[in-house]
N, C-alpha and C. Protein backbone atom coordinates (compact mmCIF):
# COMPACT_ATOMS: atom_id res chain seq x y z
N MET A 1 0.84 -1.17 0.00
CA MET A 1 0.00 0.00 0.00
C MET A 1 0.89 1.24 0.00
N LYS A 2 0.48 2.24 -0.76
CA LYS A 2 1.26 3.45 -0.90
C LYS A 2 1.20 4.26 0.40
N GLN A 3 2.35 4.73 0.84
CA GLN A 3 2.40 5.55 2.04
C GLN A 3 2.09 6.98 1.70
N ARG A 4 1.39 7.65 2.58
CA ARG A 4 1.04 9.04 2.35
C ARG A 4 2.22 9.93 2.72
N LYS A 5 2.41 10.94 1.92
CA LYS A 5 3.47 11.89 2.19
C LYS A 5 3.04 12.92 3.23
N PHE A 6 1.76 13.24 3.23
CA PHE A 6 1.22 14.25 4.13
C PHE A 6 0.23 13.62 5.10
N SER A 7 0.33 13.99 6.36
CA SER A 7 -0.63 13.51 7.35
C SER A 7 -1.91 14.34 7.25
N GLU A 8 -2.96 13.84 7.86
CA GLU A 8 -4.21 14.59 7.83
C GLU A 8 -4.07 15.92 8.54
N GLU A 9 -3.25 15.97 9.58
CA GLU A 9 -3.03 17.23 10.29
C GLU A 9 -2.39 18.26 9.37
N GLN A 10 -1.40 17.81 8.58
CA GLN A 10 -0.74 18.72 7.65
C GLN A 10 -1.70 19.20 6.57
N ILE A 11 -2.51 18.28 6.06
CA ILE A 11 -3.47 18.63 5.01
C ILE A 11 -4.47 19.65 5.54
N LEU A 12 -5.02 19.39 6.73
CA LEU A 12 -6.00 20.30 7.30
C LEU A 12 -5.37 21.66 7.62
N GLY A 13 -4.11 21.65 8.05
CA GLY A 13 -3.41 22.90 8.29
C GLY A 13 -3.25 23.71 7.02
N LEU A 14 -2.89 23.03 5.94
CA LEU A 14 -2.75 23.70 4.64
C LEU A 14 -4.09 24.27 4.17
N LEU A 15 -5.16 23.51 4.35
CA LEU A 15 -6.48 23.98 3.96
C LEU A 15 -6.90 25.20 4.80
N GLN A 16 -6.56 25.17 6.09
CA GLN A 16 -6.89 26.31 6.95
C GLN A 16 -6.11 27.56 6.52
N ASP A 17 -4.83 27.36 6.17
CA ASP A 17 -4.01 28.49 5.70
C ASP A 17 -4.59 29.08 4.42
N ALA A 18 -5.05 28.22 3.53
CA ALA A 18 -5.63 28.68 2.28
C ALA A 18 -6.94 29.43 2.54
N LYS A 19 -7.67 28.96 3.52
CA LYS A 19 -8.95 29.59 3.85
C LYS A 19 -8.74 31.02 4.37
N LYS A 20 -7.62 31.24 5.06
CA LYS A 20 -7.32 32.59 5.57
C LYS A 20 -7.13 33.58 4.43
N GLY A 21 -6.58 33.10 3.31
CA GLY A 21 -6.42 33.93 2.14
C GLY A 21 -5.24 34.88 2.18
N GLU A 22 -4.29 34.66 3.09
CA GLU A 22 -3.13 35.54 3.19
C GLU A 22 -2.16 35.35 2.02
N LYS A 23 -2.07 34.11 1.52
CA LYS A 23 -1.16 33.80 0.42
C LYS A 23 -1.95 33.08 -0.67
N PRO A 24 -1.49 33.20 -1.91
CA PRO A 24 -2.15 32.44 -2.98
C PRO A 24 -1.95 30.93 -2.79
N ILE A 25 -2.88 30.17 -3.29
CA ILE A 25 -2.83 28.71 -3.13
C ILE A 25 -1.58 28.13 -3.76
N GLU A 26 -1.18 28.65 -4.91
CA GLU A 26 0.02 28.14 -5.59
C GLU A 26 1.25 28.28 -4.70
N GLU A 27 1.35 29.42 -4.01
CA GLU A 27 2.50 29.64 -3.13
C GLU A 27 2.46 28.72 -1.92
N LEU A 28 1.27 28.52 -1.34
CA LEU A 28 1.14 27.61 -0.22
C LEU A 28 1.53 26.18 -0.61
N CYS A 29 1.09 25.77 -1.79
CA CYS A 29 1.41 24.42 -2.27
C CYS A 29 2.91 24.27 -2.52
N ARG A 30 3.52 25.30 -3.08
CA ARG A 30 4.96 25.25 -3.34
C ARG A 30 5.73 25.13 -2.02
N GLU A 31 5.33 25.90 -1.01
CA GLU A 31 5.99 25.84 0.30
C GLU A 31 5.80 24.48 0.98
N ALA A 32 4.61 23.91 0.81
CA ALA A 32 4.33 22.62 1.44
C ALA A 32 4.92 21.46 0.65
N GLY A 33 5.21 21.67 -0.63
CA GLY A 33 5.77 20.61 -1.46
C GLY A 33 4.72 19.71 -2.06
N CYS A 34 3.56 20.26 -2.36
CA CYS A 34 2.49 19.47 -3.00
C CYS A 34 2.04 20.18 -4.26
N SER A 35 1.26 19.48 -5.05
CA SER A 35 0.75 20.07 -6.29
C SER A 35 -0.60 20.73 -6.02
N THR A 36 -0.99 21.61 -6.90
CA THR A 36 -2.30 22.24 -6.77
C THR A 36 -3.41 21.22 -7.03
N ALA A 37 -3.11 20.20 -7.82
CA ALA A 37 -4.10 19.13 -8.05
C ALA A 37 -4.37 18.37 -6.76
N SER A 38 -3.32 18.09 -6.01
CA SER A 38 -3.49 17.42 -4.71
C SER A 38 -4.30 18.31 -3.78
N PHE A 39 -3.98 19.59 -3.78
CA PHE A 39 -4.72 20.53 -2.94
C PHE A 39 -6.20 20.50 -3.28
N SER A 40 -6.52 20.51 -4.56
CA SER A 40 -7.93 20.49 -4.99
C SER A 40 -8.62 19.20 -4.55
N THR A 41 -7.90 18.09 -4.64
CA THR A 41 -8.45 16.81 -4.20
C THR A 41 -8.73 16.82 -2.71
N TRP A 42 -7.77 17.35 -1.95
CA TRP A 42 -7.94 17.43 -0.50
C TRP A 42 -9.08 18.35 -0.13
N LYS A 43 -9.20 19.45 -0.84
CA LYS A 43 -10.27 20.40 -0.55
C LYS A 43 -11.64 19.75 -0.81
N ALA A 44 -11.72 18.98 -1.88
CA ALA A 44 -12.98 18.29 -2.18
C ALA A 44 -13.28 17.22 -1.14
N LYS A 45 -12.24 16.56 -0.65
CA LYS A 45 -12.44 15.47 0.31
C LYS A 45 -12.73 16.00 1.71
N TYR A 46 -11.94 16.96 2.18
CA TYR A 46 -12.05 17.41 3.56
C TYR A 46 -12.91 18.66 3.72
N GLY A 47 -12.96 19.51 2.72
CA GLY A 47 -13.76 20.73 2.81
C GLY A 47 -13.35 21.57 4.00
N ASP A 48 -14.30 21.91 4.85
CA ASP A 48 -14.04 22.71 6.05
C ASP A 48 -14.01 21.85 7.30
N ALA A 49 -13.64 20.59 7.16
CA ALA A 49 -13.66 19.66 8.28
C ALA A 49 -12.59 20.01 9.32
N THR A 50 -12.90 19.70 10.56
CA THR A 50 -11.92 19.84 11.63
C THR A 50 -11.26 18.48 11.85
N MET A 51 -10.25 18.45 12.68
CA MET A 51 -9.54 17.20 12.94
C MET A 51 -10.46 16.18 13.61
N ILE A 52 -11.32 16.64 14.50
CA ILE A 52 -12.25 15.73 15.19
C ILE A 52 -13.21 15.10 14.18
N GLU A 53 -13.72 15.91 13.27
CA GLU A 53 -14.63 15.39 12.25
C GLU A 53 -13.93 14.39 11.34
N THR A 54 -12.68 14.67 11.03
CA THR A 54 -11.90 13.78 10.16
C THR A 54 -11.67 12.44 10.83
N ARG A 55 -11.33 12.46 12.11
CA ARG A 55 -11.13 11.20 12.85
C ARG A 55 -12.42 10.41 12.92
N ARG A 56 -13.54 11.09 13.16
CA ARG A 56 -14.83 10.43 13.23
C ARG A 56 -15.19 9.81 11.87
N LEU A 57 -14.90 10.54 10.79
CA LEU A 57 -15.15 10.02 9.45
C LEU A 57 -14.34 8.76 9.20
N ARG A 58 -13.06 8.78 9.57
CA ARG A 58 -12.20 7.61 9.38
C ARG A 58 -12.73 6.42 10.19
N GLN A 59 -13.18 6.68 11.42
CA GLN A 59 -13.73 5.61 12.26
C GLN A 59 -15.00 5.03 11.62
N LEU A 60 -15.87 5.89 11.11
CA LEU A 60 -17.10 5.42 10.46
C LEU A 60 -16.80 4.63 9.19
N GLU A 61 -15.79 5.03 8.44
CA GLU A 61 -15.42 4.30 7.24
C GLU A 61 -14.92 2.90 7.58
N ARG A 62 -14.12 2.78 8.66
CA ARG A 62 -13.65 1.46 9.07
C ARG A 62 -14.80 0.58 9.53
N GLU A 63 -15.73 1.16 10.29
CA GLU A 63 -16.88 0.40 10.77
C GLU A 63 -17.75 -0.04 9.60
N ASN A 64 -17.95 0.83 8.63
CA ASN A 64 -18.74 0.50 7.44
C ASN A 64 -18.09 -0.65 6.67
N GLU A 65 -16.78 -0.61 6.53
CA GLU A 65 -16.06 -1.67 5.83
C GLU A 65 -16.23 -3.02 6.54
N ARG A 66 -16.15 -2.99 7.86
CA ARG A 66 -16.32 -4.21 8.65
C ARG A 66 -17.73 -4.76 8.49
N LEU A 67 -18.73 -3.89 8.53
CA LEU A 67 -20.12 -4.34 8.38
C LEU A 67 -20.39 -4.89 6.99
N LEU A 68 -19.81 -4.28 5.96
CA LEU A 68 -19.98 -4.80 4.61
C LEU A 68 -19.38 -6.20 4.47
N LYS A 69 -18.25 -6.45 5.13
CA LYS A 69 -17.66 -7.78 5.09
C LYS A 69 -18.58 -8.79 5.77
N LEU A 70 -19.17 -8.39 6.91
CA LEU A 70 -20.09 -9.29 7.61
C LEU A 70 -21.30 -9.62 6.75
N VAL A 71 -21.86 -8.63 6.11
CA VAL A 71 -23.03 -8.86 5.25
C VAL A 71 -22.66 -9.78 4.09
N GLY A 72 -21.50 -9.58 3.52
CA GLY A 72 -21.05 -10.45 2.43
C GLY A 72 -20.90 -11.89 2.87
N GLN A 73 -20.34 -12.09 4.06
CA GLN A 73 -20.17 -13.44 4.58
C GLN A 73 -21.52 -14.09 4.83
N GLN A 74 -22.45 -13.34 5.40
CA GLN A 74 -23.78 -13.89 5.67
C GLN A 74 -24.49 -14.26 4.37
N ARG A 75 -24.32 -13.44 3.37
CA ARG A 75 -24.95 -13.72 2.08
C ARG A 75 -24.42 -15.02 1.48
N LEU A 76 -23.09 -15.21 1.56
CA LEU A 76 -22.50 -16.44 1.06
C LEU A 76 -23.03 -17.65 1.82
N GLU A 77 -23.14 -17.53 3.14
CA GLU A 77 -23.66 -18.63 3.94
C GLU A 77 -25.10 -18.95 3.55
N LEU A 78 -25.92 -17.93 3.37
CA LEU A 78 -27.32 -18.15 2.99
C LEU A 78 -27.44 -18.82 1.62
N GLU A 79 -26.65 -18.36 0.67
CA GLU A 79 -26.67 -18.97 -0.66
C GLU A 79 -26.22 -20.42 -0.60
N GLY A 80 -25.21 -20.69 0.22
CA GLY A 80 -24.75 -22.07 0.39
C GLY A 80 -25.82 -22.95 1.00
N MET A 81 -26.53 -22.45 2.00
CA MET A 81 -27.60 -23.22 2.64
C MET A 81 -28.75 -23.47 1.67
N LYS A 82 -29.10 -22.44 0.88
CA LYS A 82 -30.18 -22.61 -0.09
C LYS A 82 -29.80 -23.66 -1.13
N GLU A 83 -28.56 -23.63 -1.56
CA GLU A 83 -28.09 -24.61 -2.55
C GLU A 83 -28.11 -26.02 -1.96
N LEU A 84 -27.68 -26.13 -0.74
CA LEU A 84 -27.66 -27.43 -0.08
C LEU A 84 -29.08 -27.98 0.11
N LEU A 85 -30.01 -27.12 0.52
CA LEU A 85 -31.38 -27.55 0.71
C LEU A 85 -32.05 -27.91 -0.60
N SER A 86 -31.72 -27.21 -1.68
CA SER A 86 -32.34 -27.52 -2.95
C SER A 86 -31.83 -28.84 -3.52
N LYS A 87 -30.63 -29.24 -3.20
CA LYS A 87 -30.06 -30.53 -3.67
C LYS A 87 -30.69 -31.71 -2.94
N LYS A 88 -31.11 -31.50 -1.70
CA LYS A 88 -31.68 -32.59 -0.91
C LYS A 88 -33.06 -33.00 -1.39
N ARG A 89 -33.75 -32.13 -2.08
CA ARG A 89 -35.12 -32.43 -2.53
C ARG A 89 -35.13 -33.24 -3.74
């Protein structure tokens, strides 16, 4: 898995600096060592989120992933049981 160059704290800090409007976005990106395309992606993903909201989002995404795996496993078990019962008849 690809390692991230920037932590969420750094990304949110950069977004907050851009929101202040003291420097142009291009200059902020150059100082941080990222591209303006990355900045746009981060802005679309995080928007005006705070660090607490970001952590909560990450926690919900992990929980959602876990629940989707459980549902998938249950579905496979049900299909297997239906197949087994239909063969017995």
